[in-house]
Amino acid sequence: MKEVKLPFKKEVLQTLRAGDEVLLSGVVFTARDQVHKILFHKIRADQKKKTIPTFPFPVSGQTFYYSGPTPPPPGRVIGSAGPTTSSRLDRYTPLLLKYGLKGMLGKGERNAEVRLAIKKYSAVYFVTYGGCGALLASHIKEAKIVAFPELGPEAVWRLVIRDFPAVVAIDSKGRVFP
């Protein structure tokens, strides 16, 4: 297994190949449907005003984990934190990649437009195990809501992960696994 530090440097991102098994460590931000929709509409509004979009948390160079963690039980950093189906976010993903998103972590396939955008913007899509939210939460060492707390489980969490298991499903050259 390859160990990958997040956020990753361009040189590291380019060494990843579709099918590589990885252990991710570092910072990721959770982002699900509502967050993607908000960011998408903000970018569109800023484009109309011809201003550079700003975000309430880092997007450029970062990795989004498509997850809606449950509240932490006593003595734990976070509750269950499994991946959600990534294809639900496909309509928003190319624009976020254009604005610097470099990694995505979820489950399931992505559409052709997303695969082309991943290649165009030199990003990577990781998949992890569905149905294992409690196990995956054991790899989360710190968790803090950093944006949109009013969205409840879809709020943006800043997670510090260690040895989080994943597989490169689409690499920066657009190659797909399997």
N, C-alpha and C. Protein backbone atom coordinates (compact mmCIF):
# COMPACT_ATOMS: atom_id res chain seq x y z
N MET A 1 0.84 -1.19 0.00
CA MET A 1 0.00 0.00 0.00
C MET A 1 0.88 1.24 0.00
N LYS A 2 0.43 2.23 -0.76
CA LYS A 2 1.14 3.50 -0.80
C LYS A 2 0.60 4.40 0.30
N GLU A 3 1.49 5.09 0.98
CA GLU A 3 1.08 6.09 1.96
C GLU A 3 1.02 7.44 1.27
N VAL A 4 -0.11 8.12 1.42
CA VAL A 4 -0.32 9.40 0.75
C VAL A 4 -0.68 10.45 1.79
N LYS A 5 0.09 11.53 1.81
CA LYS A 5 -0.17 12.66 2.72
C LYS A 5 -1.07 13.66 2.01
N LEU A 6 -2.09 14.14 2.72
CA LEU A 6 -3.03 15.13 2.19
C LEU A 6 -2.91 16.44 2.95
N PRO A 7 -3.08 17.58 2.31
CA PRO A 7 -3.24 17.70 0.87
C PRO A 7 -1.95 17.31 0.16
N PHE A 8 -2.10 16.70 -1.02
CA PHE A 8 -0.91 16.19 -1.68
C PHE A 8 -0.31 17.20 -2.64
N LYS A 9 0.97 17.02 -2.85
CA LYS A 9 1.69 17.83 -3.81
C LYS A 9 1.44 17.27 -5.20
N LYS A 10 1.55 18.12 -6.21
CA LYS A 10 1.31 17.71 -7.60
C LYS A 10 2.15 16.51 -7.98
N GLU A 11 3.41 16.49 -7.52
CA GLU A 11 4.30 15.38 -7.87
C GLU A 11 3.77 14.05 -7.34
N VAL A 12 3.21 14.07 -6.15
CA VAL A 12 2.66 12.84 -5.55
C VAL A 12 1.39 12.43 -6.29
N LEU A 13 0.54 13.39 -6.55
CA LEU A 13 -0.72 13.13 -7.25
C LEU A 13 -0.44 12.42 -8.58
N GLN A 14 0.58 12.86 -9.29
CA GLN A 14 0.88 12.29 -10.61
C GLN A 14 1.48 10.89 -10.54
N THR A 15 1.96 10.47 -9.37
CA THR A 15 2.50 9.11 -9.25
C THR A 15 1.41 8.08 -8.98
N LEU A 16 0.23 8.53 -8.60
CA LEU A 16 -0.85 7.60 -8.28
C LEU A 16 -1.44 7.02 -9.56
N ARG A 17 -1.71 5.72 -9.53
CA ARG A 17 -2.24 5.01 -10.69
C ARG A 17 -3.56 4.34 -10.32
N ALA A 18 -4.48 4.32 -11.28
CA ALA A 18 -5.76 3.64 -11.06
C ALA A 18 -5.48 2.23 -10.59
N GLY A 19 -6.12 1.84 -9.49
CA GLY A 19 -5.93 0.52 -8.90
C GLY A 19 -4.98 0.51 -7.72
N ASP A 20 -4.20 1.58 -7.52
CA ASP A 20 -3.31 1.64 -6.37
C ASP A 20 -4.11 1.61 -5.07
N GLU A 21 -3.68 0.76 -4.15
CA GLU A 21 -4.25 0.77 -2.80
C GLU A 21 -3.44 1.76 -1.99
N VAL A 22 -4.13 2.64 -1.27
CA VAL A 22 -3.45 3.71 -0.54
C VAL A 22 -3.94 3.81 0.89
N LEU A 23 -3.10 4.41 1.72
CA LEU A 23 -3.47 4.80 3.07
C LEU A 23 -3.33 6.31 3.11
N LEU A 24 -4.45 7.00 3.26
CA LEU A 24 -4.48 8.46 3.25
C LEU A 24 -4.29 8.99 4.67
N SER A 25 -3.45 10.01 4.80
CA SER A 25 -3.25 10.68 6.09
C SER A 25 -3.18 12.17 5.84
N GLY A 26 -3.77 12.94 6.76
CA GLY A 26 -3.75 14.39 6.63
C GLY A 26 -5.15 14.95 6.76
N VAL A 27 -5.41 16.04 6.05
CA VAL A 27 -6.67 16.76 6.17
C VAL A 27 -7.57 16.53 4.96
N VAL A 28 -8.84 16.23 5.22
CA VAL A 28 -9.88 16.19 4.20
C VAL A 28 -11.06 17.00 4.74
N PHE A 29 -11.91 17.45 3.83
CA PHE A 29 -13.12 18.16 4.20
C PHE A 29 -14.32 17.37 3.71
N THR A 30 -15.31 17.16 4.58
CA THR A 30 -16.52 16.48 4.13
C THR A 30 -17.32 17.47 3.29
N ALA A 31 -17.94 16.95 2.26
CA ALA A 31 -18.78 17.79 1.40
C ALA A 31 -19.76 16.87 0.68
N ARG A 32 -21.03 17.10 0.97
CA ARG A 32 -22.07 16.30 0.33
C ARG A 32 -22.94 17.17 -0.55
N ASP A 33 -24.12 16.70 -0.89
CA ASP A 33 -25.00 17.33 -1.87
C ASP A 33 -25.24 18.81 -1.63
N GLN A 34 -25.68 19.17 -0.44
CA GLN A 34 -26.04 20.57 -0.19
C GLN A 34 -24.84 21.50 -0.28
N VAL A 35 -23.70 21.07 0.21
CA VAL A 35 -22.48 21.89 0.15
C VAL A 35 -22.07 22.08 -1.31
N HIS A 36 -22.11 21.03 -2.09
CA HIS A 36 -21.76 21.15 -3.51
C HIS A 36 -22.69 22.14 -4.21
N LYS A 37 -23.96 22.05 -3.91
CA LYS A 37 -24.94 22.94 -4.53
C LYS A 37 -24.66 24.39 -4.15
N ILE A 38 -24.37 24.64 -2.88
CA ILE A 38 -24.06 26.00 -2.41
C ILE A 38 -22.81 26.53 -3.11
N LEU A 39 -21.75 25.74 -3.14
CA LEU A 39 -20.50 26.18 -3.77
C LEU A 39 -20.69 26.42 -5.27
N PHE A 40 -21.42 25.54 -5.92
CA PHE A 40 -21.68 25.67 -7.35
C PHE A 40 -22.38 26.99 -7.64
N HIS A 41 -23.44 27.30 -6.90
CA HIS A 41 -24.19 28.53 -7.14
C HIS A 41 -23.38 29.77 -6.76
N LYS A 42 -22.53 29.65 -5.76
CA LYS A 42 -21.65 30.77 -5.40
C LYS A 42 -20.67 31.06 -6.54
N ILE A 43 -20.07 30.02 -7.08
CA ILE A 43 -19.14 30.20 -8.20
C ILE A 43 -19.85 30.84 -9.38
N ARG A 44 -21.03 30.35 -9.72
CA ARG A 44 -21.79 30.90 -10.84
C ARG A 44 -22.13 32.38 -10.60
N ALA A 45 -22.55 32.72 -9.40
CA ALA A 45 -22.87 34.12 -9.09
C ALA A 45 -21.63 34.99 -9.19
N ASP A 46 -20.50 34.51 -8.67
CA ASP A 46 -19.26 35.27 -8.75
C ASP A 46 -18.78 35.41 -10.19
N GLN A 47 -18.99 34.39 -11.00
CA GLN A 47 -18.61 34.48 -12.41
C GLN A 47 -19.42 35.58 -13.12
N LYS A 48 -20.71 35.67 -12.81
CA LYS A 48 -21.55 36.72 -13.40
C LYS A 48 -21.07 38.10 -12.99
N LYS A 49 -20.60 38.23 -11.74
CA LYS A 49 -20.09 39.52 -11.24
C LYS A 49 -18.64 39.75 -11.65
N LYS A 50 -18.06 38.73 -12.30
CA LYS A 50 -16.65 38.78 -12.72
C LYS A 50 -15.71 38.98 -11.54
N THR A 51 -16.04 38.28 -10.44
CA THR A 51 -15.17 38.29 -9.27
C THR A 51 -14.65 36.89 -9.02
N ILE A 52 -13.53 36.82 -8.34
CA ILE A 52 -12.94 35.52 -8.02
C ILE A 52 -13.69 34.92 -6.84
N PRO A 53 -14.17 33.68 -6.99
CA PRO A 53 -14.91 33.06 -5.88
C PRO A 53 -14.04 32.87 -4.64
N THR A 54 -14.64 33.12 -3.50
CA THR A 54 -14.01 32.80 -2.22
C THR A 54 -14.94 31.83 -1.51
N PHE A 55 -14.35 30.97 -0.68
CA PHE A 55 -15.12 29.93 -0.03
C PHE A 55 -14.94 30.00 1.47
N PRO A 56 -15.91 29.50 2.25
CA PRO A 56 -15.81 29.55 3.71
C PRO A 56 -14.87 28.50 4.31
N PHE A 57 -14.24 27.70 3.46
CA PHE A 57 -13.25 26.71 3.88
C PHE A 57 -12.37 26.45 2.66
N PRO A 58 -11.19 25.89 2.83
CA PRO A 58 -10.29 25.68 1.69
C PRO A 58 -10.86 24.68 0.68
N VAL A 59 -10.77 25.04 -0.59
CA VAL A 59 -11.17 24.14 -1.68
C VAL A 59 -9.95 23.84 -2.55
N SER A 60 -9.25 24.86 -2.97
CA SER A 60 -8.11 24.67 -3.87
C SER A 60 -7.03 23.80 -3.23
N GLY A 61 -6.65 22.76 -3.96
CA GLY A 61 -5.60 21.86 -3.49
C GLY A 61 -6.07 20.81 -2.48
N GLN A 62 -7.34 20.82 -2.15
CA GLN A 62 -7.86 19.96 -1.08
C GLN A 62 -8.54 18.69 -1.61
N THR A 63 -8.89 17.81 -0.68
CA THR A 63 -9.63 16.59 -0.97
C THR A 63 -10.96 16.64 -0.22
N PHE A 64 -12.04 16.38 -0.94
CA PHE A 64 -13.36 16.29 -0.33
C PHE A 64 -13.68 14.81 -0.07
N TYR A 65 -14.18 14.55 1.14
CA TYR A 65 -14.68 13.22 1.48
C TYR A 65 -16.19 13.31 1.43
N TYR A 66 -16.80 12.54 0.55
CA TYR A 66 -18.25 12.53 0.42
C TYR A 66 -18.83 11.71 1.56
N SER A 67 -19.06 12.38 2.68
CA SER A 67 -19.53 11.71 3.88
C SER A 67 -20.34 12.69 4.71
N GLY A 68 -21.31 12.17 5.42
CA GLY A 68 -22.08 12.95 6.38
C GLY A 68 -21.96 12.26 7.73
N PRO A 69 -20.89 12.56 8.46
CA PRO A 69 -20.66 11.86 9.73
C PRO A 69 -21.80 12.02 10.73
N THR A 70 -21.97 11.02 11.55
CA THR A 70 -22.94 11.12 12.64
C THR A 70 -22.25 11.78 13.84
N PRO A 71 -23.05 12.32 14.76
CA PRO A 71 -22.44 12.95 15.94
C PRO A 71 -21.59 11.95 16.73
N PRO A 72 -20.56 12.46 17.38
CA PRO A 72 -19.69 11.56 18.13
C PRO A 72 -20.35 11.03 19.40
N PRO A 73 -20.22 9.74 19.65
CA PRO A 73 -20.67 9.22 20.93
C PRO A 73 -19.66 9.64 22.01
N PRO A 74 -20.03 9.55 23.28
CA PRO A 74 -19.10 9.94 24.35
C PRO A 74 -17.74 9.27 24.21
N GLY A 75 -16.70 10.07 24.33
CA GLY A 75 -15.34 9.55 24.29
C GLY A 75 -14.78 9.32 22.90
N ARG A 76 -15.53 9.66 21.86
CA ARG A 76 -15.07 9.45 20.48
C ARG A 76 -14.93 10.80 19.77
N VAL A 77 -14.09 10.82 18.75
CA VAL A 77 -13.88 12.03 17.96
C VAL A 77 -15.07 12.31 17.04
N ILE A 78 -15.64 11.23 16.52
CA ILE A 78 -16.73 11.34 15.55
C ILE A 78 -17.53 10.05 15.58
N GLY A 79 -18.75 10.12 15.07
CA GLY A 79 -19.56 8.92 14.94
C GLY A 79 -19.21 8.20 13.64
N SER A 80 -20.14 7.43 13.16
CA SER A 80 -19.94 6.71 11.90
C SER A 80 -19.66 7.71 10.78
N ALA A 81 -18.72 7.36 9.89
CA ALA A 81 -18.34 8.29 8.83
C ALA A 81 -18.01 7.53 7.55
N GLY A 82 -19.03 6.88 7.02
CA GLY A 82 -18.84 6.14 5.78
C GLY A 82 -19.05 7.01 4.56
N PRO A 83 -18.64 6.52 3.39
CA PRO A 83 -18.77 7.30 2.16
C PRO A 83 -20.19 7.28 1.62
N THR A 84 -20.53 8.33 0.88
CA THR A 84 -21.80 8.36 0.18
C THR A 84 -21.55 8.15 -1.31
N THR A 85 -22.59 7.90 -2.05
CA THR A 85 -22.48 7.63 -3.48
C THR A 85 -22.05 8.89 -4.22
N SER A 86 -20.91 8.80 -4.87
CA SER A 86 -20.28 9.96 -5.49
C SER A 86 -21.02 10.48 -6.71
N SER A 87 -21.69 9.62 -7.45
CA SER A 87 -22.34 10.05 -8.69
C SER A 87 -23.40 11.13 -8.45
N ARG A 88 -23.93 11.21 -7.23
CA ARG A 88 -24.91 12.25 -6.92
C ARG A 88 -24.29 13.64 -7.03
N LEU A 89 -22.97 13.72 -6.99
CA LEU A 89 -22.28 15.02 -6.99
C LEU A 89 -21.66 15.32 -8.35
N ASP A 90 -21.87 14.45 -9.32
CA ASP A 90 -21.22 14.60 -10.62
C ASP A 90 -21.55 15.92 -11.32
N ARG A 91 -22.77 16.41 -11.21
CA ARG A 91 -23.12 17.64 -11.93
C ARG A 91 -22.36 18.85 -11.43
N TYR A 92 -21.86 18.81 -10.19
CA TYR A 92 -21.13 19.93 -9.61
C TYR A 92 -19.61 19.79 -9.70
N THR A 93 -19.14 18.57 -9.86
CA THR A 93 -17.71 18.28 -9.72
C THR A 93 -16.81 18.96 -10.74
N PRO A 94 -17.13 18.97 -12.04
CA PRO A 94 -16.20 19.63 -12.98
C PRO A 94 -15.91 21.09 -12.63
N LEU A 95 -16.89 21.83 -12.20
CA LEU A 95 -16.67 23.23 -11.85
C LEU A 95 -15.78 23.36 -10.60
N LEU A 96 -15.98 22.49 -9.63
CA LEU A 96 -15.13 22.52 -8.44
C LEU A 96 -13.69 22.13 -8.78
N LEU A 97 -13.52 21.20 -9.69
CA LEU A 97 -12.18 20.83 -10.13
C LEU A 97 -11.51 22.02 -10.83
N LYS A 98 -12.28 22.75 -11.61
CA LYS A 98 -11.75 23.94 -12.29
C LYS A 98 -11.22 24.95 -11.27
N TYR A 99 -11.87 25.03 -10.13
CA TYR A 99 -11.46 25.98 -9.09
C TYR A 99 -10.50 25.37 -8.07
N GLY A 100 -9.87 24.25 -8.42
CA GLY A 100 -8.74 23.78 -7.65
C GLY A 100 -8.90 22.54 -6.80
N LEU A 101 -10.10 21.98 -6.69
CA LEU A 101 -10.26 20.74 -5.94
C LEU A 101 -9.35 19.69 -6.57
N LYS A 102 -8.59 18.96 -5.76
CA LYS A 102 -7.62 18.00 -6.30
C LYS A 102 -7.93 16.55 -5.97
N GLY A 103 -8.74 16.30 -4.96
CA GLY A 103 -9.04 14.92 -4.62
C GLY A 103 -10.47 14.77 -4.16
N MET A 104 -11.02 13.60 -4.43
CA MET A 104 -12.36 13.25 -3.98
C MET A 104 -12.31 11.83 -3.46
N LEU A 105 -13.06 11.58 -2.41
CA LEU A 105 -13.09 10.28 -1.75
C LEU A 105 -14.54 9.91 -1.52
N GLY A 106 -14.98 8.81 -2.08
CA GLY A 106 -16.37 8.40 -1.93
C GLY A 106 -16.52 6.94 -2.29
N LYS A 107 -17.67 6.62 -2.91
CA LYS A 107 -17.89 5.25 -3.38
C LYS A 107 -18.66 5.31 -4.68
N GLY A 108 -18.40 4.34 -5.53
CA GLY A 108 -19.13 4.23 -6.78
C GLY A 108 -18.44 4.90 -7.95
N GLU A 109 -19.07 4.74 -9.10
CA GLU A 109 -18.53 5.24 -10.36
C GLU A 109 -18.81 6.73 -10.54
N ARG A 110 -18.07 7.34 -11.47
CA ARG A 110 -18.27 8.73 -11.86
C ARG A 110 -18.63 8.75 -13.34
N ASN A 111 -19.33 9.80 -13.78
CA ASN A 111 -19.72 9.86 -15.19
C ASN A 111 -18.56 10.31 -16.07
N ALA A 112 -18.78 10.24 -17.39
CA ALA A 112 -17.72 10.56 -18.36
C ALA A 112 -17.24 12.00 -18.21
N GLU A 113 -18.14 12.94 -17.96
CA GLU A 113 -17.75 14.34 -17.81
C GLU A 113 -16.81 14.53 -16.61
N VAL A 114 -17.08 13.86 -15.52
CA VAL A 114 -16.21 13.95 -14.35
C VAL A 114 -14.86 13.30 -14.65
N ARG A 115 -14.87 12.17 -15.30
CA ARG A 115 -13.59 11.51 -15.64
C ARG A 115 -12.72 12.41 -16.51
N LEU A 116 -13.34 13.07 -17.48
CA LEU A 116 -12.58 14.00 -18.35
C LEU A 116 -12.07 15.20 -17.55
N ALA A 117 -12.88 15.72 -16.63
CA ALA A 117 -12.47 16.86 -15.81
C ALA A 117 -11.33 16.47 -14.87
N ILE A 118 -11.37 15.27 -14.33
CA ILE A 118 -10.28 14.79 -13.47
C ILE A 118 -8.97 14.81 -14.25
N LYS A 119 -9.02 14.34 -15.48
CA LYS A 119 -7.82 14.35 -16.33
C LYS A 119 -7.41 15.78 -16.68
N LYS A 120 -8.36 16.60 -17.09
CA LYS A 120 -8.07 17.98 -17.51
C LYS A 120 -7.42 18.79 -16.40
N TYR A 121 -7.93 18.63 -15.16
CA TYR A 121 -7.45 19.45 -14.04
C TYR A 121 -6.46 18.70 -13.15
N SER A 122 -6.03 17.52 -13.60
CA SER A 122 -5.04 16.73 -12.89
C SER A 122 -5.43 16.52 -11.42
N ALA A 123 -6.51 15.78 -11.25
CA ALA A 123 -7.02 15.46 -9.91
C ALA A 123 -7.04 13.94 -9.76
N VAL A 124 -7.63 13.46 -8.67
CA VAL A 124 -7.73 12.03 -8.43
C VAL A 124 -9.01 11.72 -7.66
N TYR A 125 -9.59 10.57 -7.96
CA TYR A 125 -10.78 10.11 -7.27
C TYR A 125 -10.46 8.79 -6.58
N PHE A 126 -10.65 8.78 -5.27
CA PHE A 126 -10.44 7.58 -4.45
C PHE A 126 -11.79 6.99 -4.08
N VAL A 127 -11.83 5.68 -3.94
CA VAL A 127 -13.01 5.02 -3.39
C VAL A 127 -12.58 4.32 -2.10
N THR A 128 -13.56 4.21 -1.20
CA THR A 128 -13.33 3.48 0.04
C THR A 128 -14.52 2.57 0.28
N TYR A 129 -14.48 1.84 1.34
CA TYR A 129 -15.44 0.78 1.61
C TYR A 129 -16.79 1.31 2.08
N GLY A 130 -17.84 0.97 1.34
CA GLY A 130 -19.19 1.29 1.78
C GLY A 130 -19.63 0.33 2.87
N GLY A 131 -20.51 0.78 3.76
CA GLY A 131 -21.02 -0.08 4.82
C GLY A 131 -20.08 -0.26 5.99
N CYS A 132 -19.01 0.49 6.02
CA CYS A 132 -18.00 0.35 7.09
C CYS A 132 -17.77 1.68 7.81
N GLY A 133 -18.81 2.47 7.97
CA GLY A 133 -18.67 3.80 8.55
C GLY A 133 -18.03 3.82 9.93
N ALA A 134 -18.37 2.87 10.78
CA ALA A 134 -17.78 2.83 12.12
C ALA A 134 -16.30 2.48 12.06
N LEU A 135 -15.94 1.54 11.20
CA LEU A 135 -14.54 1.17 11.04
C LEU A 135 -13.75 2.34 10.46
N LEU A 136 -14.27 2.98 9.43
CA LEU A 136 -13.56 4.12 8.82
C LEU A 136 -13.40 5.27 9.83
N ALA A 137 -14.38 5.45 10.70
CA ALA A 137 -14.29 6.51 11.71
C ALA A 137 -13.09 6.30 12.64
N SER A 138 -12.64 5.06 12.80
CA SER A 138 -11.49 4.81 13.66
C SER A 138 -10.20 5.39 13.06
N HIS A 139 -10.22 5.75 11.80
CA HIS A 139 -9.07 6.37 11.14
C HIS A 139 -9.14 7.89 11.19
N ILE A 140 -10.18 8.43 11.80
CA ILE A 140 -10.34 9.88 11.94
C ILE A 140 -9.86 10.29 13.32
N LYS A 141 -8.84 11.12 13.36
CA LYS A 141 -8.19 11.47 14.62
C LYS A 141 -8.65 12.81 15.17
N GLU A 142 -9.14 13.70 14.31
CA GLU A 142 -9.68 15.00 14.74
C GLU A 142 -10.86 15.32 13.83
N ALA A 143 -11.86 15.99 14.38
CA ALA A 143 -13.03 16.37 13.60
C ALA A 143 -13.61 17.66 14.15
N LYS A 144 -13.87 18.59 13.24
CA LYS A 144 -14.43 19.88 13.65
C LYS A 144 -15.29 20.42 12.52
N ILE A 145 -16.49 20.89 12.84
CA ILE A 145 -17.33 21.53 11.84
C ILE A 145 -16.73 22.90 11.54
N VAL A 146 -16.51 23.18 10.22
CA VAL A 146 -15.88 24.45 9.83
C VAL A 146 -16.76 25.32 8.94
N ALA A 147 -17.87 24.79 8.44
CA ALA A 147 -18.76 25.59 7.59
C ALA A 147 -20.15 24.96 7.54
N PHE A 148 -21.14 25.81 7.39
CA PHE A 148 -22.53 25.41 7.22
C PHE A 148 -23.06 24.50 8.32
N PRO A 149 -22.90 24.86 9.59
CA PRO A 149 -23.41 24.01 10.66
C PRO A 149 -24.93 23.84 10.60
N GLU A 150 -25.61 24.79 9.97
CA GLU A 150 -27.06 24.70 9.85
C GLU A 150 -27.51 23.52 8.98
N LEU A 151 -26.59 22.93 8.25
CA LEU A 151 -26.93 21.78 7.39
C LEU A 151 -26.93 20.46 8.15
N GLY A 152 -26.67 20.51 9.44
CA GLY A 152 -26.69 19.27 10.24
C GLY A 152 -25.67 18.28 9.74
N PRO A 153 -26.11 17.05 9.41
CA PRO A 153 -25.15 16.03 8.99
C PRO A 153 -24.41 16.38 7.69
N GLU A 154 -24.93 17.34 6.93
CA GLU A 154 -24.25 17.74 5.70
C GLU A 154 -23.34 18.95 5.90
N ALA A 155 -23.13 19.37 7.13
CA ALA A 155 -22.18 20.46 7.41
C ALA A 155 -20.80 20.03 6.92
N VAL A 156 -19.92 21.02 6.74
CA VAL A 156 -18.55 20.71 6.33
C VAL A 156 -17.72 20.46 7.58
N TRP A 157 -17.13 19.28 7.64
CA TRP A 157 -16.22 18.92 8.72
C TRP A 157 -14.80 18.94 8.20
N ARG A 158 -13.89 19.44 8.99
CA ARG A 158 -12.46 19.31 8.71
C ARG A 158 -12.01 18.09 9.50
N LEU A 159 -11.56 17.07 8.77
CA LEU A 159 -11.14 15.83 9.40
C LEU A 159 -9.64 15.64 9.24
N VAL A 160 -9.01 15.21 10.31
CA VAL A 160 -7.62 14.76 10.23
C VAL A 160 -7.69 13.24 10.27
N ILE A 161 -7.21 12.64 9.18
CA ILE A 161 -7.28 11.18 9.06
C ILE A 161 -5.87 10.58 9.10
N ARG A 162 -5.82 9.32 9.51
CA ARG A 162 -4.54 8.61 9.54
C ARG A 162 -4.75 7.19 9.03
N ASP A 163 -3.94 6.83 8.04
CA ASP A 163 -3.98 5.48 7.44
C ASP A 163 -5.39 5.08 7.01
N PHE A 164 -6.07 6.01 6.38
CA PHE A 164 -7.44 5.80 5.91
C PHE A 164 -7.37 4.98 4.61
N PRO A 165 -7.96 3.78 4.59
CA PRO A 165 -7.81 2.91 3.42
C PRO A 165 -8.68 3.35 2.23
N ALA A 166 -8.06 3.34 1.06
CA ALA A 166 -8.77 3.71 -0.16
C ALA A 166 -8.07 3.09 -1.36
N VAL A 167 -8.72 3.20 -2.50
CA VAL A 167 -8.17 2.74 -3.78
C VAL A 167 -8.31 3.87 -4.78
N VAL A 168 -7.30 4.07 -5.61
CA VAL A 168 -7.39 5.07 -6.66
C VAL A 168 -8.32 4.52 -7.74
N ALA A 169 -9.49 5.15 -7.89
CA ALA A 169 -10.46 4.69 -8.88
C ALA A 169 -10.27 5.39 -10.22
N ILE A 170 -9.89 6.68 -10.17
CA ILE A 170 -9.58 7.44 -11.39
C ILE A 170 -8.33 8.25 -11.09
N ASP A 171 -7.30 8.03 -11.89
CA ASP A 171 -6.06 8.77 -11.64
C ASP A 171 -6.00 10.05 -12.48
N SER A 172 -4.94 10.82 -12.29
CA SER A 172 -4.82 12.14 -12.93
C SER A 172 -4.68 12.05 -14.45
N LYS A 173 -4.46 10.88 -14.98
CA LYS A 173 -4.37 10.68 -16.44
C LYS A 173 -5.72 10.23 -17.00
N GLY A 174 -6.72 10.09 -16.12
CA GLY A 174 -8.05 9.68 -16.55
C GLY A 174 -8.25 8.18 -16.62
N ARG A 175 -7.26 7.42 -16.17
CA ARG A 175 -7.40 5.96 -16.18
C ARG A 175 -8.34 5.54 -15.06
N VAL A 176 -9.17 4.54 -15.36
CA VAL A 176 -10.22 4.10 -14.44
C VAL A 176 -9.92 2.67 -13.97
N PHE A 177 -10.16 2.44 -12.67
CA PHE A 177 -10.05 1.10 -12.10
C PHE A 177 -11.43 0.63 -11.74
N PRO A 178 -11.84 -0.55 -12.01
CA PRO A 178 -11.14 -1.60 -12.73
C PRO A 178 -11.24 -1.46 -14.21
